[in-house]
Amino acid sequence: ELLRRRQLEELLAGVHAAVWGPHGEALVRDAPRLAAVRGLIARSGSLVEQSWREMVQLAAETLGGDADAASGANSEDSSRAAKRYKEMRSELQANIERLAALEQCPHARNIGREFAVDHIG
């Protein structure tokens, strides 16, 4: 679980850098790259959603404080992981909104920036 979450964190950091960084405006003008990033966001969203569901289920199964002997999981850790996955969904949605805003107005550098600063940085 920790490895999966770390890998998704790294993936989301890379997507964030591409979308919110200095080359975000160029990204929306490059149709193949834009399509690739959108596809990556969609696939990432599916993985995050699946991970969130698994952690919610595991938290429910381990409710009461007893660690799951097979996985070493406990309800509190699983709930924290589920919360983080939920935050990741919001981050992915902010990336989608940023791309849409850049497509509409390529010079809108600060659209959604407050979300990025508050939730990512």
Foldseek 3Di string as FASTA:
>chain_A
DVVVVVVLLVLLVVLCCCCQPPCNLVQLVDVVSVVVSVVSLVVSLVVLVVLLVVLVVVLVVQPPQDADVVPRDHNVVSVVSNVVSVLSNVSSVLSVVSSVVCNVPVVPNCVSVVVCVVRPD
